[in-house]
Protein backbone atom coordinates (compact mmCIF):
# COMPACT_ATOMS: atom_id res chain seq x y z
CA MET A 1 -29.67 -6.03 -21.20
CA THR A 2 -27.89 -9.32 -21.28
CA ASN A 3 -30.29 -10.79 -18.83
CA CYS A 4 -33.51 -9.52 -20.21
CA THR A 5 -33.03 -10.09 -24.01
CA PRO A 6 -33.18 -13.93 -23.89
CA SER A 7 -36.42 -14.07 -21.69
CA LEU A 8 -38.08 -11.54 -23.90
CA ALA A 9 -37.22 -13.64 -27.13
CA GLN A 10 -38.42 -16.81 -25.24
CA ALA A 11 -41.83 -15.11 -24.22
CA GLN A 12 -42.30 -14.23 -27.99
CA PHE A 13 -41.35 -17.55 -29.01
CA ASP A 14 -43.77 -19.29 -26.58
CA GLY A 15 -46.64 -17.12 -27.51
CA ASN A 16 -46.35 -17.91 -31.17
CA ILE A 17 -46.18 -21.63 -30.49
CA THR A 18 -49.48 -21.25 -28.58
CA SER A 19 -51.34 -19.43 -31.31
CA HIS A 20 -49.88 -20.50 -34.59
CA HIS A 21 -47.42 -23.18 -35.69
CA GLY A 22 -46.37 -22.57 -39.12
CA ALA A 23 -45.64 -19.25 -40.77
CA GLU A 24 -46.12 -17.29 -37.44
CA SER A 25 -43.21 -19.36 -35.87
CA LYS A 26 -40.88 -18.52 -38.93
CA GLU A 27 -41.73 -14.90 -38.48
CA VAL A 28 -40.39 -15.04 -34.77
CA LEU A 29 -37.31 -16.66 -35.88
CA SER A 30 -36.55 -13.82 -38.39
CA THR A 31 -37.31 -11.46 -35.50
CA ASN A 32 -34.65 -13.00 -33.34
CA SER A 33 -32.02 -13.11 -36.07
CA VAL A 34 -28.89 -10.85 -35.87
CA ASP A 35 -26.88 -10.12 -39.00
CA GLY A 36 -28.51 -13.03 -40.84
CA SER A 37 -27.80 -15.62 -38.21
CA GLU A 38 -30.75 -17.23 -36.61
CA LYS A 39 -31.09 -17.80 -32.76
CA ILE A 40 -33.98 -20.08 -32.08
CA SER A 41 -33.72 -20.08 -28.29
CA GLY A 42 -32.87 -17.94 -25.20
CA VAL A 43 -30.12 -20.48 -24.41
CA GLY A 44 -28.34 -19.97 -27.74
CA GLU A 45 -28.50 -16.17 -27.43
CA ARG A 46 -27.12 -16.34 -23.96
CA LYS A 47 -24.12 -18.41 -25.22
CA ALA A 48 -23.35 -15.90 -27.88
CA ARG A 49 -23.51 -13.01 -25.27
CA GLU A 50 -21.00 -14.88 -23.13
CA VAL A 51 -18.26 -14.30 -25.75
CA PRO A 52 -15.78 -11.75 -24.56
CA PRO A 53 -16.83 -8.47 -25.92
CA SER A 54 -14.57 -6.48 -28.19
CA GLU A 55 -14.71 -3.57 -25.63
CA ALA A 56 -11.72 -4.98 -23.79
CA LYS A 57 -9.54 -2.76 -26.00
CA LEU A 58 -5.70 -2.37 -25.91
CA ASP A 59 -4.68 0.36 -23.52
CA VAL A 60 -3.00 3.26 -25.18
CA PRO A 61 -0.91 5.50 -22.81
CA PRO A 62 -1.50 9.23 -23.35
CA ASN A 63 2.19 9.70 -24.02
CA GLY A 64 2.15 12.88 -21.92
CA GLY A 65 -0.58 14.97 -20.31
CA TYR A 66 -0.67 14.30 -16.57
CA GLY A 67 2.16 12.04 -17.02
CA TRP A 68 4.55 14.97 -17.00
CA VAL A 69 3.33 15.76 -13.48
CA CYS A 70 4.23 12.24 -12.49
CA VAL A 71 7.71 12.63 -13.96
CA ALA A 72 8.18 15.81 -11.94
CA CYS A 73 7.00 13.99 -8.67
CA CYS A 74 9.18 10.87 -9.39
CA PHE A 75 12.09 13.31 -10.11
CA MET A 76 11.62 14.91 -6.65
CA ILE A 77 11.16 11.59 -4.90
CA ASN A 78 14.42 10.34 -6.47
CA ALA A 79 16.10 13.42 -5.33
CA HIS A 80 15.05 12.94 -1.67
CA THR A 81 15.56 9.24 -1.61
CA TRP A 82 18.56 8.03 -3.85
CA GLY A 83 19.72 11.56 -4.14
CA LEU A 84 19.63 12.19 -0.30
CA ASN A 85 21.31 8.72 0.15
CA SER A 86 24.14 9.77 -2.30
CA SER A 87 25.28 12.25 0.25
CA TYR A 88 26.30 9.24 2.65
CA GLY A 89 29.85 9.55 0.94
CA VAL A 90 29.99 12.93 2.71
CA PHE A 91 28.67 11.37 6.10
CA LEU A 92 31.18 8.38 5.62
CA ALA A 93 34.08 10.79 5.08
CA HIS A 94 33.09 12.67 8.24
CA TYR A 95 32.72 9.45 10.34
CA LEU A 96 36.15 8.22 9.18
CA ASP A 97 37.99 11.51 9.85
CA THR A 98 36.39 12.37 13.20
CA LYS A 99 35.86 8.93 14.85
CA THR A 100 32.21 10.13 15.66
CA PHE A 101 31.11 6.83 17.18
CA GLN A 102 33.61 5.34 19.65
CA GLY A 103 34.73 1.80 18.76
CA ALA A 104 33.14 1.67 15.40
CA SER A 105 35.43 0.60 12.46
CA SER A 106 35.50 1.67 8.95
CA LEU A 107 33.78 -1.55 8.09
CA ASP A 108 30.80 -0.69 10.40
CA PHE A 109 30.40 2.62 8.52
CA ALA A 110 30.67 0.92 5.16
CA PHE A 111 27.72 -1.52 6.20
CA VAL A 112 25.52 1.44 7.27
CA GLY A 113 25.72 2.77 3.76
CA GLY A 114 25.31 -0.70 2.19
CA LEU A 115 22.30 -1.43 4.48
CA SER A 116 20.57 1.82 3.40
CA ILE A 117 20.46 0.59 -0.17
CA SER A 118 20.12 -3.26 0.29
CA GLN A 119 17.13 -2.74 2.82
CA ALA A 120 15.41 -0.55 0.11
CA LEU A 121 15.75 -3.54 -2.18
CA LEU A 122 14.94 -6.18 0.34
CA VAL A 123 11.43 -4.79 1.25
CA SER A 124 10.43 -4.43 -2.29
CA PRO A 125 8.29 -7.55 -2.33
CA ILE A 126 6.47 -6.26 0.64
CA ALA A 127 6.13 -2.86 -1.01
CA THR A 128 4.71 -4.41 -4.22
CA ILE A 129 2.13 -6.46 -2.17
CA CYS A 130 1.21 -3.29 -0.25
CA THR A 131 0.67 -1.61 -3.64
CA ARG A 132 -1.60 -4.43 -4.81
CA LEU A 133 -3.63 -4.51 -1.56
CA TYR A 134 -3.92 -0.90 -0.48
CA GLY A 135 -2.84 1.18 -3.51
CA THR A 136 0.08 3.27 -4.48
CA ARG A 137 -0.58 6.13 -2.34
CA THR A 138 -0.49 4.07 0.89
CA THR A 139 2.73 2.51 -0.13
CA LEU A 140 4.31 5.92 -0.70
CA LEU A 141 3.00 7.29 2.66
CA ILE A 142 4.53 4.28 4.51
CA GLY A 143 7.93 5.20 2.82
CA VAL A 144 7.64 8.95 3.88
CA PHE A 145 7.01 7.70 7.51
CA PHE A 146 10.04 5.39 7.53
CA GLU A 147 12.51 7.88 5.87
CA THR A 148 11.39 10.84 8.11
CA VAL A 149 11.71 8.77 11.35
CA SER A 150 15.19 7.30 10.14
CA LEU A 151 16.66 10.83 9.67
CA ILE A 152 15.27 12.27 12.90
CA GLY A 153 16.25 9.12 14.81
CA ALA A 154 19.82 9.31 13.40
CA SER A 155 20.26 12.85 14.75
CA PHE A 156 20.09 11.41 18.27
CA ALA A 157 22.26 8.33 17.66
CA LYS A 158 25.14 7.85 20.17
CA GLU A 159 26.10 4.32 19.50
CA ILE A 160 26.93 2.68 16.17
CA TYR A 161 23.90 0.15 16.54
CA GLN A 162 21.63 3.09 16.56
CA LEU A 163 23.09 4.34 13.37
CA PHE A 164 22.65 0.82 11.88
CA LEU A 165 18.91 0.93 12.97
CA SER A 166 18.31 4.58 11.81
CA GLN A 167 20.44 5.58 9.00
CA GLY A 168 20.83 2.19 7.69
CA ILE A 169 17.74 0.02 8.10
CA ALA A 170 14.95 2.49 8.66
CA PHE A 171 16.17 4.88 6.06
CA GLY A 172 16.42 1.79 3.51
CA TRP A 173 12.86 0.84 4.36
CA GLY A 174 11.71 4.37 3.70
CA MET A 175 13.52 4.58 0.40
CA GLY A 176 12.23 1.12 -0.60
CA PHE A 177 8.57 1.91 -0.24
CA LEU A 178 8.94 5.26 -1.90
CA PHE A 179 10.98 3.82 -4.77
CA VAL A 180 8.89 0.69 -5.44
CA GLY A 181 5.74 2.74 -5.24
CA SER A 182 6.84 5.20 -7.77
CA VAL A 183 9.38 3.51 -10.16
CA GLY A 184 6.70 1.73 -12.26
CA ILE A 185 4.48 4.78 -12.71
CA VAL A 186 6.31 6.90 -15.31
CA PRO A 187 6.53 4.08 -17.97
CA GLN A 188 2.69 3.60 -17.68
CA TRP A 189 2.09 7.08 -19.12
CA PHE A 190 4.35 7.08 -22.14
CA THR A 191 5.06 4.95 -25.35
CA THR A 192 7.56 6.55 -27.66
CA ARG A 193 8.82 9.01 -24.94
CA ARG A 194 9.04 6.29 -22.29
CA SER A 195 12.86 6.19 -21.94
CA LEU A 196 13.16 10.07 -22.10
CA ALA A 197 10.64 10.49 -19.30
CA ASN A 198 12.17 7.84 -17.27
CA GLY A 199 15.65 9.53 -17.86
CA ILE A 200 14.29 12.74 -16.55
CA ALA A 201 12.65 11.17 -13.46
CA THR A 202 15.84 9.30 -12.64
CA ALA A 203 17.96 12.36 -13.04
CA GLY A 204 16.41 13.53 -9.78
CA SER A 205 18.66 11.31 -7.91
CA GLY A 206 21.68 13.06 -9.58
CA PHE A 207 20.64 16.51 -8.91
CA GLY A 208 19.48 15.72 -5.40
CA GLY A 209 22.82 14.07 -4.72
CA LEU A 210 24.52 17.21 -6.10
CA MET A 211 22.47 19.44 -3.84
CA TYR A 212 22.76 17.43 -0.68
CA SER A 213 26.38 16.46 -0.94
CA LEU A 214 27.26 20.21 -0.76
CA ALA A 215 24.52 21.02 1.75
CA THR A 216 25.24 18.01 4.08
CA ASN A 217 28.93 18.93 4.34
CA ALA A 218 28.12 22.67 5.05
CA MET A 219 25.52 21.73 7.71
CA ILE A 220 27.78 19.32 9.46
CA GLN A 221 30.59 21.95 9.60
CA ASN A 222 28.31 24.80 10.75
CA ILE A 223 25.39 23.48 12.64
CA SER A 224 26.48 20.02 13.78
CA LEU A 225 25.87 16.47 12.61
CA GLY A 226 22.57 16.10 14.61
CA TRP A 227 20.96 19.23 13.30
CA ALA A 228 22.12 18.32 9.64
CA PHE A 229 20.10 15.08 10.08
CA ARG A 230 16.98 17.05 11.40
CA VAL A 231 17.04 19.55 8.51
CA LEU A 232 17.35 16.68 5.98
CA GLY A 233 14.35 14.80 7.79
CA VAL A 234 12.07 17.76 7.62
CA LEU A 235 12.91 18.58 3.92
CA ALA A 236 12.33 14.85 3.05
CA LEU A 237 8.92 14.80 4.78
CA VAL A 238 7.61 17.93 3.14
CA VAL A 239 8.72 16.94 -0.52
CA ASN A 240 7.84 13.36 -0.39
CA LEU A 241 4.53 13.94 1.20
CA ILE A 242 3.46 16.46 -1.59
CA CYS A 243 4.70 14.08 -4.25
CA ALA A 244 2.88 11.07 -2.80
CA CYS A 245 -0.42 13.03 -2.94
CA LEU A 246 0.04 14.19 -6.51
CA LEU A 247 1.21 10.85 -8.09
CA LYS A 248 -1.38 8.62 -9.99
CA ASP A 249 -0.70 5.31 -11.41
CA ARG A 250 -2.42 3.53 -14.20
CA ASN A 251 -2.25 -0.06 -12.91
CA LYS A 252 -5.82 -0.79 -13.75
CA GLN A 253 -5.70 0.57 -17.27
CA VAL A 254 -2.48 -1.51 -18.18
CA GLY A 255 -3.58 -4.50 -16.23
CA SER A 256 -0.53 -4.48 -14.04
CA SER A 257 -0.10 -7.67 -12.29
CA GLN A 258 1.51 -6.23 -9.10
CA LEU A 259 2.79 -9.72 -8.11
CA ALA A 260 5.67 -9.77 -5.71
CA PHE A 261 7.28 -12.82 -7.14
CA ASP A 262 6.62 -14.77 -10.41
CA TYR A 263 8.64 -18.01 -10.79
CA TYR A 264 7.80 -18.11 -14.64
CA LEU A 265 10.28 -15.26 -15.30
CA PHE A 266 13.08 -17.50 -14.29
CA LYS A 267 12.44 -19.57 -17.41
CA ARG A 268 13.28 -16.71 -19.57
CA ILE A 269 17.07 -16.41 -20.43
CA GLU A 270 16.79 -12.77 -21.46
CA TYR A 271 15.44 -12.00 -17.85
CA LEU A 272 18.29 -13.86 -16.31
CA LEU A 273 20.82 -11.82 -18.35
CA LEU A 274 19.13 -8.81 -17.11
CA LEU A 275 19.51 -9.85 -13.45
CA GLY A 276 23.28 -10.40 -14.18
CA PHE A 277 23.48 -6.94 -15.68
CA GLY A 278 22.13 -5.45 -12.43
CA PHE A 279 24.19 -7.65 -10.06
CA PHE A 280 27.60 -6.70 -11.54
CA SER A 281 26.51 -3.08 -12.22
CA MET A 282 25.88 -2.51 -8.51
CA LEU A 283 29.26 -4.09 -7.45
CA GLY A 284 30.95 -1.27 -9.12
CA TYR A 285 28.31 1.61 -8.66
CA ILE A 286 28.07 1.58 -4.98
CA VAL A 287 31.95 1.73 -4.60
CA LEU A 288 32.07 4.80 -6.84
CA LEU A 289 29.09 6.45 -5.21
CA PHE A 290 30.27 6.12 -1.58
CA SER A 291 34.08 5.97 -1.93
CA LEU A 292 34.84 9.02 -4.05
CA PRO A 293 34.75 11.58 -1.18
CA ASN A 294 36.99 9.32 0.86
CA TYR A 295 39.29 8.67 -2.07
CA ALA A 296 39.65 12.46 -2.31
CA SER A 297 40.82 12.61 1.41
CA SER A 298 43.21 9.69 0.66
CA ILE A 299 45.13 11.81 -1.88
CA GLY A 300 45.25 14.64 0.51
CA LEU A 301 42.40 16.77 -0.42
CA THR A 302 40.18 18.63 2.19
CA PRO A 303 36.74 17.43 3.39
CA ARG A 304 35.19 20.34 1.40
CA GLN A 305 36.95 19.29 -1.78
CA GLY A 306 35.84 15.74 -1.04
CA SER A 307 32.26 16.82 -0.77
CA VAL A 308 32.54 18.86 -4.00
CA ILE A 309 33.92 15.77 -5.80
CA GLY A 310 30.84 13.66 -4.67
CA ALA A 311 28.47 16.52 -5.54
CA LEU A 312 30.19 16.78 -9.12
CA LEU A 313 29.66 12.92 -9.46
CA ASN A 314 25.86 13.41 -8.88
CA LEU A 315 25.83 16.37 -11.15
CA GLY A 316 27.27 14.10 -13.83
CA GLN A 317 24.47 11.72 -13.15
CA GLY A 318 21.82 14.33 -13.46
CA LEU A 319 23.16 15.59 -16.66
CA GLY A 320 23.79 12.34 -18.12
CA ARG A 321 20.45 10.38 -17.52
CA PRO A 322 18.09 12.37 -19.60
CA PRO A 323 20.24 12.12 -22.78
CA ILE A 324 20.62 8.42 -22.13
CA GLY A 325 16.98 8.03 -21.84
CA TYR A 326 16.31 10.28 -24.95
CA PHE A 327 18.63 8.34 -27.24
CA SER A 328 17.57 4.97 -25.86
CA ASP A 329 14.21 5.50 -27.57
CA SER A 330 15.82 5.71 -31.01
CA VAL A 331 18.96 3.78 -30.72
CA GLY A 332 17.47 1.02 -28.57
CA ARG A 333 17.19 0.64 -24.84
CA ILE A 334 19.22 -2.50 -24.56
CA ASN A 335 21.99 -1.13 -27.00
CA MET A 336 22.20 2.14 -24.93
CA ALA A 337 22.41 0.24 -21.56
CA LEU A 338 25.33 -1.92 -23.07
CA ALA A 339 27.06 0.95 -24.44
CA MET A 340 26.85 3.31 -21.46
CA THR A 341 27.86 0.49 -19.01
CA PHE A 342 30.92 -0.22 -21.17
CA LEU A 343 31.93 3.41 -20.85
CA ALA A 344 31.44 3.46 -17.12
CA GLY A 345 34.09 0.68 -16.79
CA LEU A 346 36.38 2.29 -19.27
CA PHE A 347 36.42 5.69 -17.58
CA SER A 348 37.24 4.12 -14.30
CA LEU A 349 40.36 2.41 -15.80
CA VAL A 350 41.56 5.20 -17.92
CA ILE A 351 40.82 8.31 -15.77
CA TRP A 352 40.24 7.37 -12.09
CA VAL A 353 43.51 5.32 -12.03
CA PHE A 354 45.40 8.37 -12.95
CA ALA A 355 43.41 10.87 -10.85
CA SER A 356 45.93 11.98 -8.28
CA SER A 357 45.12 15.70 -8.31
CA TYR A 358 42.00 17.70 -7.67
CA GLY A 359 41.58 18.83 -11.23
CA VAL A 360 41.65 15.27 -12.67
CA LEU A 361 39.43 13.95 -10.01
CA VAL A 362 36.82 16.75 -10.78
CA PHE A 363 37.07 15.82 -14.59
CA TYR A 364 36.58 12.08 -13.68
CA ALA A 365 33.52 12.79 -11.29
CA LEU A 366 31.79 14.78 -14.13
CA ILE A 367 32.41 12.43 -16.98
CA GLY A 368 32.16 9.20 -15.00
CA GLY A 369 29.05 10.41 -13.49
CA THR A 370 27.28 10.90 -16.68
CA VAL A 371 27.34 7.06 -17.31
CA ALA A 372 27.77 5.73 -13.77
CA GLY A 373 24.04 5.37 -13.06
CA THR A 374 23.04 3.89 -16.36
CA PHE A 375 21.36 0.92 -14.67
CA TRP A 376 18.93 2.95 -12.71
CA THR A 377 18.23 5.09 -16.05
CA THR A 378 17.54 1.95 -18.13
CA ILE A 379 16.12 -0.65 -15.87
CA ALA A 380 12.42 0.14 -15.95
CA PRO A 381 12.14 0.73 -19.74
CA VAL A 382 14.55 -2.27 -20.51
CA THR A 383 12.41 -4.42 -18.10
CA ALA A 384 9.26 -3.46 -19.84
CA GLU A 385 10.89 -4.48 -23.27
CA VAL A 386 12.00 -7.77 -21.88
CA VAL A 387 9.09 -9.06 -20.02
CA GLY A 388 6.21 -6.84 -21.05
CA LEU A 389 4.54 -3.91 -19.15
CA GLN A 390 2.15 -6.07 -17.38
CA ASN A 391 4.91 -8.04 -15.71
CA VAL A 392 7.22 -5.11 -14.86
CA PRO A 393 6.11 -5.01 -11.07
CA ALA A 394 7.04 -8.64 -10.46
CA ALA A 395 10.26 -8.56 -12.56
CA LEU A 396 11.36 -5.41 -10.84
CA SER A 397 10.61 -6.90 -7.44
CA ILE A 398 12.80 -9.97 -8.23
CA THR A 399 15.50 -7.63 -9.58
CA TRP A 400 15.61 -5.67 -6.16
CA LEU A 401 16.02 -8.91 -4.37
CA ALA A 402 18.91 -9.91 -6.71
CA LEU A 403 20.66 -6.77 -5.88
CA VAL A 404 20.61 -7.14 -2.07
CA LEU A 405 23.90 -9.02 -1.90
CA PRO A 406 25.98 -6.64 -4.15
CA THR A 407 24.76 -3.50 -2.49
CA THR A 408 25.14 -4.84 1.02
CA PHE A 409 28.74 -5.99 0.61
CA SER A 410 30.13 -3.82 -2.26
CA GLU A 411 31.52 -0.84 -0.11
CA PRO A 412 32.62 -3.07 2.85
CA ILE A 413 34.67 -5.05 0.19
CA ALA A 414 36.05 -1.92 -1.23
CA LEU A 415 37.21 -0.46 2.19
CA GLU A 416 38.74 -3.91 3.26
CA ILE A 417 40.67 -3.95 0.08
CA THR A 418 42.03 -0.42 0.57
CA ALA A 419 42.80 -1.05 4.29
CA ALA A 420 44.83 -4.06 3.18
CA ASN A 421 46.78 -1.74 0.89
CA ASP A 422 47.47 0.95 3.47
CA GLY A 423 44.53 3.20 2.27
CA ARG A 424 45.60 3.06 -1.45
CA TYR A 425 42.83 2.66 -3.87
CA LEU A 426 44.63 1.43 -6.85
């Protein structure tokens, strides 16, 4: 239509010039007028047509619908990535108690757990680029492949370097591709319920951690360490594969940039503060996540009790994240992140310090867990509020890179501090 209209007007105009020069010409001018404005040439009309049309309307998320299917898929992916990784505290306690890998130190085992998270964050720019070039589903499938290979590979590990490569690096890559591919999808489907939906999705890591902390310890005790890895690998493959096929993004509708790095964001002071929030949150969170089962052993509790403590910490996260998301929508996402992070530190000081018995430690695991994972609950909606929905992929990609250092070294630092104090955590 745009190409043929000017030529038709020009043909009419030329024909009228040939036959008549007066009133007939004025008649053609009036024929070509739109809303009282006169266009006397095809060129003028073409310029008018080149104005960006009003059909580029602002996208309005459906605030539900298929978005709830995406919430369920993200819940299950979180359960079988971060939740599965939360059971590393049980693996760590087993490694430290049984000397599974000859010649390996507690610091080596701490780095395996740190790598599983830091590598997930380190590959985030690659995963973001992959999403832009090949789509969300391809990114998720790459994650499924690496995570499955890592767990099956770890089941055959005999040397500590093999554990580094499998349960550390390869698992981190798989978790990174799955996490980056899915973390930005839920906010795209919601407006007023965005934080609630995100809270439900991130609660999957808590409930997954609860389930796998108990299941991992039971499998190690009953069917061996190797078969525990193999069972976890098959479960992760089946669940993550189904979720990868069902998830749908709205990148085109929201105009998502999918940039792996955007230097412009560093000019915004509020974004730098957001990076600081993540950096210091992870220094504390990783210690709590991985050390609590080992702390239980240090005060004389059994491995089974330690696994229960780790499971209850994850149960607390699963129960706490949806309410944090729900009230974030009304109280304010940044306000809620601030208040819950303050409580996470306060509970560590006033409860964990005095948790020298099983009952008190159970109480701390539950109450501390409700606020321990506040960063993961609030980061996506808070980032959308700080930088805008279109810039979320680039902003999150930089955030994950900023978290590589604290997630890598947090647990090694913690174990070195305790080792220097004869195993005492205080």
